[in-house]
Amino acid sequence: MKARSWAMLLITSGTALLFNGCATAPQVAPLQETAAKLVQKDPLNPEAWVEYGRAALFSNNLSAAEMAFRRALSLNENYLPAYKHLGMVLVTIKRFTDAKVNYEHALHISEKDSELWTAYGYCLVDLGNKKEAIEAFKKSIEANTNAVAVVSAHLGLSGIFRTTGDELSAKREIQEAVKLIQR
């Protein structure tokens, strides 16, 4: 079936889902169209929805990405990749309070994830909660599950310290980030 609009109605298990951005019109990025086919094959698989959401992100279709990540979470409320990507979308569209709540749900599932703690820290910075952001960045560094996230946490700390006038601490955090990068 070739659809020419930005929305296609996908019927699965008696449930109609508005599948925004999955049309085969020329405006739809090929990556997003390919990911939509994966969802059509397995609409109850949260991984397929996350892949569709990621493709929508790459296609700069934030509404479709948000819908896909929310759908993945409706299928598996403990699916961390969906939380991580949904948080990214919410921050991008400047819905920082929603992103904060999203990250807090994810952190209840996994308290030992550097990526989550770093993303949460930056979200808190966006909300102006520097003290909480410092704690989040420190937890990212403690968890140490992802080197890139830990470097980013050090850089986040450096930025906060610099804005508060603590140049010595800011410099120390930059040095820690550089050490990690050089490893």
N, C-alpha and C. Protein backbone atom coordinates (compact mmCIF):
# COMPACT_ATOMS: atom_id res chain seq x y z
N MET A 1 0.84 -1.18 0.00
CA MET A 1 0.00 0.00 0.00
C MET A 1 0.88 1.24 0.00
N LYS A 2 0.70 2.12 -0.94
CA LYS A 2 1.46 3.36 -1.03
C LYS A 2 0.61 4.50 -0.49
N ALA A 3 1.05 5.09 0.58
CA ALA A 3 0.34 6.22 1.15
C ALA A 3 0.99 7.51 0.68
N ARG A 4 0.21 8.54 0.47
CA ARG A 4 0.76 9.81 0.00
C ARG A 4 0.63 10.91 1.05
N SER A 5 0.19 10.58 2.21
CA SER A 5 0.07 11.60 3.25
C SER A 5 1.09 11.34 4.33
N TRP A 6 1.19 12.27 5.28
CA TRP A 6 2.15 12.14 6.37
C TRP A 6 1.67 11.18 7.44
N ALA A 7 0.49 10.70 7.33
CA ALA A 7 0.00 9.77 8.35
C ALA A 7 -0.57 8.54 7.68
N MET A 8 -0.34 7.43 8.29
CA MET A 8 -0.86 6.17 7.80
C MET A 8 -1.51 5.48 8.99
N LEU A 9 -2.68 4.96 8.78
CA LEU A 9 -3.34 4.24 9.85
C LEU A 9 -2.84 2.81 9.84
N LEU A 10 -2.29 2.40 10.96
CA LEU A 10 -1.76 1.04 11.08
C LEU A 10 -2.70 0.28 12.02
N ILE A 11 -3.27 -0.78 11.55
CA ILE A 11 -4.20 -1.57 12.34
C ILE A 11 -3.46 -2.81 12.84
N THR A 12 -3.37 -2.94 14.16
CA THR A 12 -2.70 -4.11 14.73
C THR A 12 -3.48 -4.58 15.95
N SER A 13 -3.71 -5.83 16.01
CA SER A 13 -4.38 -6.44 17.16
C SER A 13 -5.65 -5.68 17.54
N GLY A 14 -6.36 -5.20 16.55
CA GLY A 14 -7.61 -4.49 16.83
C GLY A 14 -7.40 -3.07 17.31
N THR A 15 -6.17 -2.61 17.39
CA THR A 15 -5.90 -1.25 17.87
C THR A 15 -5.42 -0.39 16.71
N ALA A 16 -6.03 0.75 16.56
CA ALA A 16 -5.59 1.67 15.51
C ALA A 16 -4.55 2.61 16.11
N LEU A 17 -3.43 2.71 15.41
CA LEU A 17 -2.36 3.60 15.87
C LEU A 17 -2.10 4.64 14.80
N LEU A 18 -2.05 5.88 15.19
CA LEU A 18 -1.69 6.90 14.24
C LEU A 18 -0.18 6.84 14.07
N PHE A 19 0.26 6.51 12.92
CA PHE A 19 1.66 6.29 12.65
C PHE A 19 2.19 7.50 11.88
N ASN A 20 2.42 8.57 12.56
CA ASN A 20 2.81 9.85 11.98
C ASN A 20 4.16 9.75 11.28
N GLY A 21 4.23 10.22 10.06
CA GLY A 21 5.50 10.30 9.37
C GLY A 21 5.93 9.03 8.67
N CYS A 22 5.07 8.07 8.52
CA CYS A 22 5.49 6.79 7.93
C CYS A 22 5.05 6.63 6.49
N ALA A 23 4.57 7.68 5.91
CA ALA A 23 4.10 7.59 4.53
C ALA A 23 5.26 7.34 3.58
N THR A 24 4.93 6.97 2.38
CA THR A 24 5.97 6.74 1.38
C THR A 24 6.12 7.96 0.47
N ALA A 25 5.54 9.08 0.86
CA ALA A 25 5.68 10.30 0.07
C ALA A 25 7.16 10.68 -0.01
N PRO A 26 7.54 11.41 -1.05
CA PRO A 26 8.96 11.75 -1.24
C PRO A 26 9.57 12.53 -0.07
N GLN A 27 8.75 13.25 0.71
CA GLN A 27 9.28 14.05 1.81
C GLN A 27 9.79 13.20 2.98
N VAL A 28 9.40 11.96 3.05
CA VAL A 28 9.77 11.12 4.17
C VAL A 28 11.16 10.54 3.92
N ALA A 29 12.02 10.69 4.90
CA ALA A 29 13.38 10.19 4.77
C ALA A 29 13.37 8.68 4.63
N PRO A 30 14.23 8.15 3.76
CA PRO A 30 14.26 6.69 3.55
C PRO A 30 14.51 5.90 4.83
N LEU A 31 15.35 6.42 5.70
CA LEU A 31 15.64 5.72 6.96
C LEU A 31 14.37 5.57 7.80
N GLN A 32 13.57 6.62 7.85
CA GLN A 32 12.32 6.57 8.61
C GLN A 32 11.34 5.61 7.96
N GLU A 33 11.28 5.61 6.66
CA GLU A 33 10.38 4.70 5.95
C GLU A 33 10.77 3.24 6.20
N THR A 34 12.07 2.96 6.18
CA THR A 34 12.56 1.60 6.44
C THR A 34 12.22 1.18 7.86
N ALA A 35 12.42 2.08 8.81
CA ALA A 35 12.10 1.76 10.20
C ALA A 35 10.60 1.54 10.38
N ALA A 36 9.78 2.27 9.64
CA ALA A 36 8.34 2.08 9.72
C ALA A 36 7.95 0.67 9.28
N LYS A 37 8.66 0.14 8.32
CA LYS A 37 8.38 -1.22 7.86
C LYS A 37 8.69 -2.25 8.95
N LEU A 38 9.74 -1.98 9.74
CA LEU A 38 10.06 -2.87 10.87
C LEU A 38 8.92 -2.88 11.88
N VAL A 39 8.37 -1.71 12.15
CA VAL A 39 7.26 -1.62 13.10
C VAL A 39 6.04 -2.34 12.55
N GLN A 40 5.81 -2.20 11.26
CA GLN A 40 4.66 -2.88 10.66
C GLN A 40 4.77 -4.39 10.80
N LYS A 41 5.99 -4.91 10.71
CA LYS A 41 6.20 -6.36 10.84
C LYS A 41 6.01 -6.82 12.28
N ASP A 42 6.37 -5.99 13.24
CA ASP A 42 6.33 -6.39 14.66
C ASP A 42 5.88 -5.21 15.52
N PRO A 43 4.60 -4.83 15.43
CA PRO A 43 4.11 -3.62 16.10
C PRO A 43 4.08 -3.70 17.63
N LEU A 44 4.26 -4.87 18.19
CA LEU A 44 4.25 -4.99 19.65
C LEU A 44 5.66 -5.10 20.23
N ASN A 45 6.65 -4.80 19.42
CA ASN A 45 8.04 -4.88 19.84
C ASN A 45 8.56 -3.47 20.16
N PRO A 46 8.85 -3.18 21.43
CA PRO A 46 9.33 -1.83 21.77
C PRO A 46 10.64 -1.48 21.08
N GLU A 47 11.48 -2.47 20.79
CA GLU A 47 12.74 -2.18 20.09
C GLU A 47 12.47 -1.62 18.70
N ALA A 48 11.47 -2.17 18.03
CA ALA A 48 11.13 -1.68 16.69
C ALA A 48 10.65 -0.23 16.76
N TRP A 49 9.86 0.08 17.77
CA TRP A 49 9.39 1.45 17.94
C TRP A 49 10.53 2.41 18.25
N VAL A 50 11.49 1.97 19.05
CA VAL A 50 12.64 2.82 19.34
C VAL A 50 13.44 3.06 18.07
N GLU A 51 13.60 2.04 17.26
CA GLU A 51 14.32 2.22 16.00
C GLU A 51 13.58 3.19 15.09
N TYR A 52 12.26 3.08 15.07
CA TYR A 52 11.48 4.04 14.28
C TYR A 52 11.68 5.46 14.84
N GLY A 53 11.64 5.58 16.16
CA GLY A 53 11.84 6.89 16.79
C GLY A 53 13.20 7.47 16.48
N ARG A 54 14.23 6.62 16.50
CA ARG A 54 15.59 7.08 16.17
C ARG A 54 15.65 7.55 14.71
N ALA A 55 15.01 6.82 13.83
CA ALA A 55 14.98 7.22 12.42
C ALA A 55 14.24 8.55 12.27
N ALA A 56 13.16 8.71 13.02
CA ALA A 56 12.42 9.97 12.97
C ALA A 56 13.29 11.12 13.50
N LEU A 57 14.08 10.85 14.54
CA LEU A 57 15.01 11.87 15.05
C LEU A 57 15.99 12.28 13.96
N PHE A 58 16.60 11.29 13.30
CA PHE A 58 17.55 11.58 12.23
C PHE A 58 16.88 12.33 11.07
N SER A 59 15.58 12.12 10.91
CA SER A 59 14.83 12.81 9.87
C SER A 59 14.29 14.15 10.35
N ASN A 60 14.63 14.51 11.58
CA ASN A 60 14.18 15.75 12.21
C ASN A 60 12.66 15.81 12.32
N ASN A 61 12.05 14.67 12.55
CA ASN A 61 10.60 14.58 12.75
C ASN A 61 10.38 14.31 14.24
N LEU A 62 10.46 15.36 15.04
CA LEU A 62 10.43 15.21 16.49
C LEU A 62 9.08 14.71 17.01
N SER A 63 8.00 15.11 16.37
CA SER A 63 6.69 14.63 16.85
C SER A 63 6.55 13.13 16.63
N ALA A 64 7.02 12.64 15.49
CA ALA A 64 6.97 11.20 15.23
C ALA A 64 7.90 10.46 16.17
N ALA A 65 9.06 11.05 16.46
CA ALA A 65 10.00 10.42 17.39
C ALA A 65 9.38 10.31 18.78
N GLU A 66 8.79 11.40 19.25
CA GLU A 66 8.16 11.36 20.57
C GLU A 66 7.07 10.30 20.63
N MET A 67 6.25 10.25 19.60
CA MET A 67 5.16 9.27 19.54
C MET A 67 5.72 7.85 19.60
N ALA A 68 6.79 7.60 18.86
CA ALA A 68 7.36 6.26 18.80
C ALA A 68 7.94 5.84 20.15
N PHE A 69 8.66 6.75 20.80
CA PHE A 69 9.25 6.42 22.10
C PHE A 69 8.16 6.21 23.16
N ARG A 70 7.11 7.00 23.08
CA ARG A 70 5.99 6.80 24.02
C ARG A 70 5.30 5.46 23.76
N ARG A 71 5.18 5.10 22.49
CA ARG A 71 4.58 3.80 22.15
C ARG A 71 5.44 2.66 22.68
N ALA A 72 6.76 2.78 22.54
CA ALA A 72 7.66 1.75 23.07
C ALA A 72 7.46 1.61 24.58
N LEU A 73 7.32 2.73 25.27
CA LEU A 73 7.13 2.68 26.73
C LEU A 73 5.75 2.12 27.09
N SER A 74 4.77 2.33 26.24
CA SER A 74 3.45 1.74 26.52
C SER A 74 3.51 0.22 26.39
N LEU A 75 4.43 -0.27 25.59
CA LEU A 75 4.60 -1.71 25.42
C LEU A 75 5.50 -2.32 26.49
N ASN A 76 6.46 -1.53 26.97
CA ASN A 76 7.37 -2.00 28.03
C ASN A 76 7.79 -0.78 28.84
N GLU A 77 7.15 -0.61 29.99
CA GLU A 77 7.40 0.58 30.80
C GLU A 77 8.78 0.61 31.44
N ASN A 78 9.56 -0.43 31.27
CA ASN A 78 10.92 -0.49 31.82
C ASN A 78 12.00 -0.46 30.73
N TYR A 79 11.64 -0.06 29.53
CA TYR A 79 12.58 -0.11 28.41
C TYR A 79 13.43 1.17 28.38
N LEU A 80 14.63 1.07 28.92
CA LEU A 80 15.51 2.23 29.10
C LEU A 80 15.85 2.98 27.80
N PRO A 81 16.12 2.30 26.69
CA PRO A 81 16.43 3.07 25.48
C PRO A 81 15.30 4.04 25.10
N ALA A 82 14.06 3.65 25.33
CA ALA A 82 12.95 4.55 25.02
C ALA A 82 12.97 5.78 25.93
N TYR A 83 13.25 5.57 27.21
CA TYR A 83 13.35 6.71 28.13
C TYR A 83 14.48 7.65 27.72
N LYS A 84 15.64 7.08 27.40
CA LYS A 84 16.78 7.91 27.03
C LYS A 84 16.47 8.77 25.81
N HIS A 85 15.90 8.16 24.80
CA HIS A 85 15.61 8.91 23.58
C HIS A 85 14.44 9.88 23.77
N LEU A 86 13.43 9.47 24.52
CA LEU A 86 12.32 10.38 24.77
C LEU A 86 12.82 11.62 25.52
N GLY A 87 13.68 11.42 26.49
CA GLY A 87 14.25 12.55 27.21
C GLY A 87 14.97 13.51 26.27
N MET A 88 15.72 12.96 25.33
CA MET A 88 16.44 13.77 24.36
C MET A 88 15.47 14.61 23.53
N VAL A 89 14.38 14.00 23.11
CA VAL A 89 13.38 14.71 22.32
C VAL A 89 12.76 15.83 23.15
N LEU A 90 12.38 15.50 24.38
CA LEU A 90 11.73 16.50 25.23
C LEU A 90 12.64 17.68 25.52
N VAL A 91 13.92 17.42 25.73
CA VAL A 91 14.88 18.52 25.94
C VAL A 91 15.00 19.34 24.65
N THR A 92 15.07 18.67 23.52
CA THR A 92 15.21 19.37 22.24
C THR A 92 14.05 20.32 21.99
N ILE A 93 12.84 19.90 22.37
CA ILE A 93 11.68 20.77 22.16
C ILE A 93 11.39 21.65 23.39
N LYS A 94 12.39 21.70 24.27
CA LYS A 94 12.38 22.58 25.44
C LYS A 94 11.26 22.30 26.43
N ARG A 95 10.87 21.04 26.53
CA ARG A 95 9.90 20.61 27.55
C ARG A 95 10.71 19.99 28.70
N PHE A 96 11.46 20.86 29.38
CA PHE A 96 12.42 20.42 30.37
C PHE A 96 11.77 19.74 31.58
N THR A 97 10.64 20.23 32.02
CA THR A 97 9.98 19.61 33.17
C THR A 97 9.52 18.20 32.81
N ASP A 98 8.97 18.02 31.62
CA ASP A 98 8.57 16.69 31.16
C ASP A 98 9.79 15.78 31.04
N ALA A 99 10.89 16.33 30.54
CA ALA A 99 12.12 15.55 30.41
C ALA A 99 12.62 15.13 31.79
N LYS A 100 12.55 16.02 32.75
CA LYS A 100 13.00 15.70 34.11
C LYS A 100 12.20 14.53 34.67
N VAL A 101 10.89 14.59 34.53
CA VAL A 101 10.03 13.50 35.01
C VAL A 101 10.38 12.20 34.29
N ASN A 102 10.60 12.28 32.98
CA ASN A 102 10.97 11.10 32.19
C ASN A 102 12.26 10.49 32.72
N TYR A 103 13.28 11.32 32.93
CA TYR A 103 14.56 10.80 33.42
C TYR A 103 14.43 10.22 34.83
N GLU A 104 13.60 10.84 35.65
CA GLU A 104 13.40 10.31 37.00
C GLU A 104 12.76 8.92 36.97
N HIS A 105 11.81 8.72 36.06
CA HIS A 105 11.22 7.37 35.89
C HIS A 105 12.31 6.38 35.49
N ALA A 106 13.13 6.78 34.54
CA ALA A 106 14.19 5.89 34.07
C ALA A 106 15.19 5.57 35.18
N LEU A 107 15.52 6.56 35.99
CA LEU A 107 16.49 6.34 37.06
C LEU A 107 15.94 5.44 38.16
N HIS A 108 14.63 5.35 38.28
CA HIS A 108 14.04 4.38 39.21
C HIS A 108 14.26 2.95 38.71
N ILE A 109 14.38 2.81 37.41
CA ILE A 109 14.61 1.50 36.82
C ILE A 109 16.09 1.14 36.89
N SER A 110 16.94 2.11 36.61
CA SER A 110 18.38 1.86 36.60
C SER A 110 19.12 3.05 37.21
N GLU A 111 19.57 2.87 38.43
CA GLU A 111 20.30 3.95 39.11
C GLU A 111 21.79 3.94 38.77
N LYS A 112 22.23 2.96 38.03
CA LYS A 112 23.66 2.81 37.73
C LYS A 112 23.94 3.00 36.24
N ASP A 113 23.40 4.04 35.65
CA ASP A 113 23.56 4.29 34.23
C ASP A 113 24.11 5.70 34.03
N SER A 114 25.36 5.78 33.62
CA SER A 114 26.01 7.08 33.44
C SER A 114 25.30 7.96 32.41
N GLU A 115 24.83 7.36 31.34
CA GLU A 115 24.13 8.15 30.32
C GLU A 115 22.90 8.83 30.88
N LEU A 116 22.11 8.07 31.65
CA LEU A 116 20.91 8.65 32.24
C LEU A 116 21.24 9.78 33.20
N TRP A 117 22.22 9.55 34.07
CA TRP A 117 22.58 10.57 35.05
C TRP A 117 23.10 11.82 34.36
N THR A 118 23.90 11.67 33.31
CA THR A 118 24.42 12.84 32.62
C THR A 118 23.29 13.61 31.92
N ALA A 119 22.43 12.89 31.22
CA ALA A 119 21.31 13.55 30.55
C ALA A 119 20.41 14.26 31.56
N TYR A 120 20.16 13.60 32.68
CA TYR A 120 19.37 14.19 33.75
C TYR A 120 20.06 15.46 34.29
N GLY A 121 21.38 15.38 34.45
CA GLY A 121 22.13 16.53 34.92
C GLY A 121 21.99 17.73 34.00
N TYR A 122 22.13 17.50 32.71
CA TYR A 122 21.99 18.61 31.75
C TYR A 122 20.55 19.15 31.74
N CYS A 123 19.58 18.27 31.88
CA CYS A 123 18.19 18.71 31.97
C CYS A 123 18.00 19.62 33.20
N LEU A 124 18.60 19.22 34.31
CA LEU A 124 18.51 20.03 35.53
C LEU A 124 19.20 21.38 35.34
N VAL A 125 20.30 21.40 34.62
CA VAL A 125 20.95 22.68 34.31
C VAL A 125 19.99 23.57 33.52
N ASP A 126 19.31 22.97 32.53
CA ASP A 126 18.35 23.74 31.73
C ASP A 126 17.22 24.30 32.59
N LEU A 127 16.88 23.58 33.65
CA LEU A 127 15.83 24.03 34.57
C LEU A 127 16.36 25.01 35.63
N GLY A 128 17.68 25.21 35.64
CA GLY A 128 18.28 26.12 36.61
C GLY A 128 18.56 25.49 37.97
N ASN A 129 18.48 24.18 38.06
CA ASN A 129 18.73 23.45 39.32
C ASN A 129 20.19 23.01 39.39
N LYS A 130 21.08 23.96 39.61
CA LYS A 130 22.52 23.65 39.57
C LYS A 130 22.94 22.67 40.66
N LYS A 131 22.40 22.83 41.86
CA LYS A 131 22.80 21.95 42.96
C LYS A 131 22.43 20.50 42.65
N GLU A 132 21.21 20.29 42.16
CA GLU A 132 20.78 18.94 41.79
C GLU A 132 21.57 18.42 40.60
N ALA A 133 21.90 19.31 39.67
CA ALA A 133 22.67 18.91 38.49
C ALA A 133 24.06 18.43 38.90
N ILE A 134 24.67 19.11 39.85
CA ILE A 134 25.98 18.68 40.34
C ILE A 134 25.90 17.26 40.88
N GLU A 135 24.86 16.98 41.65
CA GLU A 135 24.69 15.63 42.21
C GLU A 135 24.49 14.61 41.11
N ALA A 136 23.71 14.95 40.10
CA ALA A 136 23.47 14.03 38.98
C ALA A 136 24.77 13.74 38.24
N PHE A 137 25.54 14.78 37.95
CA PHE A 137 26.82 14.57 37.26
C PHE A 137 27.77 13.71 38.10
N LYS A 138 27.78 13.93 39.40
CA LYS A 138 28.64 13.11 40.28
C LYS A 138 28.20 11.65 40.26
N LYS A 139 26.89 11.41 40.21
CA LYS A 139 26.39 10.03 40.15
C LYS A 139 26.75 9.38 38.82
N SER A 140 26.77 10.16 37.75
CA SER A 140 27.20 9.64 36.46
C SER A 140 28.65 9.18 36.53
N ILE A 141 29.48 10.01 37.15
CA ILE A 141 30.90 9.69 37.26
C ILE A 141 31.10 8.45 38.15
N GLU A 142 30.35 8.37 39.23
CA GLU A 142 30.43 7.20 40.13
C GLU A 142 30.01 5.93 39.40
N ALA A 143 28.93 6.00 38.65
CA ALA A 143 28.43 4.81 37.95
C ALA A 143 29.45 4.34 36.92
N ASN A 144 30.03 5.26 36.19
CA ASN A 144 31.12 4.97 35.25
C ASN A 144 30.78 3.82 34.30
N THR A 145 29.58 3.86 33.71
CA THR A 145 29.16 2.80 32.78
C THR A 145 29.35 3.18 31.33
N ASN A 146 29.68 4.45 31.07
CA ASN A 146 29.83 4.90 29.69
C ASN A 146 30.85 6.04 29.69
N ALA A 147 31.98 5.81 29.04
CA ALA A 147 33.08 6.79 29.07
C ALA A 147 32.66 8.15 28.50
N VAL A 148 31.90 8.16 27.43
CA VAL A 148 31.49 9.42 26.83
C VAL A 148 30.59 10.19 27.79
N ALA A 149 29.67 9.50 28.44
CA ALA A 149 28.78 10.15 29.40
C ALA A 149 29.56 10.70 30.59
N VAL A 150 30.57 9.97 31.03
CA VAL A 150 31.38 10.42 32.16
C VAL A 150 32.19 11.67 31.78
N VAL A 151 32.76 11.68 30.59
CA VAL A 151 33.46 12.88 30.12
C VAL A 151 32.48 14.05 30.07
N SER A 152 31.30 13.81 29.54
CA SER A 152 30.29 14.85 29.45
C SER A 152 29.87 15.34 30.85
N ALA A 153 29.81 14.43 31.81
CA ALA A 153 29.47 14.81 33.18
C ALA A 153 30.55 15.73 33.76
N HIS A 154 31.81 15.40 33.52
CA HIS A 154 32.91 16.27 33.98
C HIS A 154 32.79 17.65 33.33
N LEU A 155 32.47 17.69 32.06
CA LEU A 155 32.31 18.97 31.37
C LEU A 155 31.11 19.75 31.90
N GLY A 156 30.03 19.02 32.22
CA GLY A 156 28.87 19.67 32.82
C GLY A 156 29.20 20.30 34.17
N LEU A 157 29.94 19.54 34.98
CA LEU A 157 30.39 20.08 36.27
C LEU A 157 31.26 21.31 36.07
N SER A 158 32.17 21.24 35.12
CA SER A 158 33.04 22.37 34.84
C SER A 158 32.23 23.61 34.49
N GLY A 159 31.23 23.44 33.67
CA GLY A 159 30.38 24.57 33.28
C GLY A 159 29.66 25.18 34.47
N ILE A 160 29.13 24.34 35.33
CA ILE A 160 28.43 24.85 36.52
C ILE A 160 29.42 25.58 37.43
N PHE A 161 30.57 24.98 37.67
CA PHE A 161 31.56 25.62 38.55
C PHE A 161 32.02 26.95 37.97
N ARG A 162 32.15 27.00 36.65
CA ARG A 162 32.59 28.25 36.02
C ARG A 162 31.53 29.33 36.22
N THR A 163 30.25 28.98 36.09
CA THR A 163 29.19 29.99 36.26
C THR A 163 29.06 30.46 37.71
N THR A 164 29.54 29.66 38.64
CA THR A 164 29.47 30.07 40.05
C THR A 164 30.76 30.74 40.52
N GLY A 165 31.73 30.86 39.59
CA GLY A 165 32.97 31.53 39.93
C GLY A 165 34.04 30.64 40.54
N ASP A 166 33.79 29.35 40.59
CA ASP A 166 34.76 28.40 41.15
C ASP A 166 35.66 27.90 40.03
N GLU A 167 36.59 28.76 39.62
CA GLU A 167 37.47 28.44 38.50
C GLU A 167 38.38 27.25 38.77
N LEU A 168 38.81 27.08 40.01
CA LEU A 168 39.70 25.97 40.36
C LEU A 168 38.98 24.63 40.13
N SER A 169 37.76 24.53 40.62
CA SER A 169 36.99 23.29 40.42
C SER A 169 36.66 23.08 38.95
N ALA A 170 36.36 24.17 38.26
CA ALA A 170 36.06 24.07 36.82
C ALA A 170 37.27 23.52 36.07
N LYS A 171 38.43 24.02 36.40
CA LYS A 171 39.66 23.56 35.74
C LYS A 171 39.93 22.10 36.08
N ARG A 172 39.70 21.70 37.34
CA ARG A 172 39.92 20.30 37.75
C ARG A 172 39.01 19.36 36.95
N GLU A 173 37.77 19.74 36.74
CA GLU A 173 36.84 18.90 35.99
C GLU A 173 37.26 18.77 34.53
N ILE A 174 37.75 19.86 33.95
CA ILE A 174 38.25 19.80 32.57
C ILE A 174 39.44 18.85 32.49
N GLN A 175 40.33 18.94 33.47
CA GLN A 175 41.49 18.05 33.48
C GLN A 175 41.08 16.58 33.59
N GLU A 176 40.07 16.30 34.41
CA GLU A 176 39.57 14.92 34.52
C GLU A 176 38.99 14.44 33.19
N ALA A 177 38.26 15.32 32.52
CA ALA A 177 37.70 14.96 31.22
C ALA A 177 38.81 14.67 30.21
N VAL A 178 39.82 15.50 30.20
CA VAL A 178 40.94 15.31 29.27
C VAL A 178 41.66 14.00 29.56
N LYS A 179 41.86 13.68 30.83
CA LYS A 179 42.52 12.39 31.20
C LYS A 179 41.74 11.22 30.62
N LEU A 180 40.42 11.27 30.76
CA LEU A 180 39.59 10.18 30.24
C LEU A 180 39.67 10.08 28.74
N ILE A 181 39.71 11.21 28.09
CA ILE A 181 39.77 11.22 26.61
C ILE A 181 41.12 10.64 26.16
N GLN A 182 42.17 10.92 26.88
CA GLN A 182 43.51 10.47 26.47
C GLN A 182 43.75 9.00 26.75
N ARG A 183 42.90 8.36 27.49
CA ARG A 183 43.09 6.93 27.79
C ARG A 183 42.89 6.08 26.57
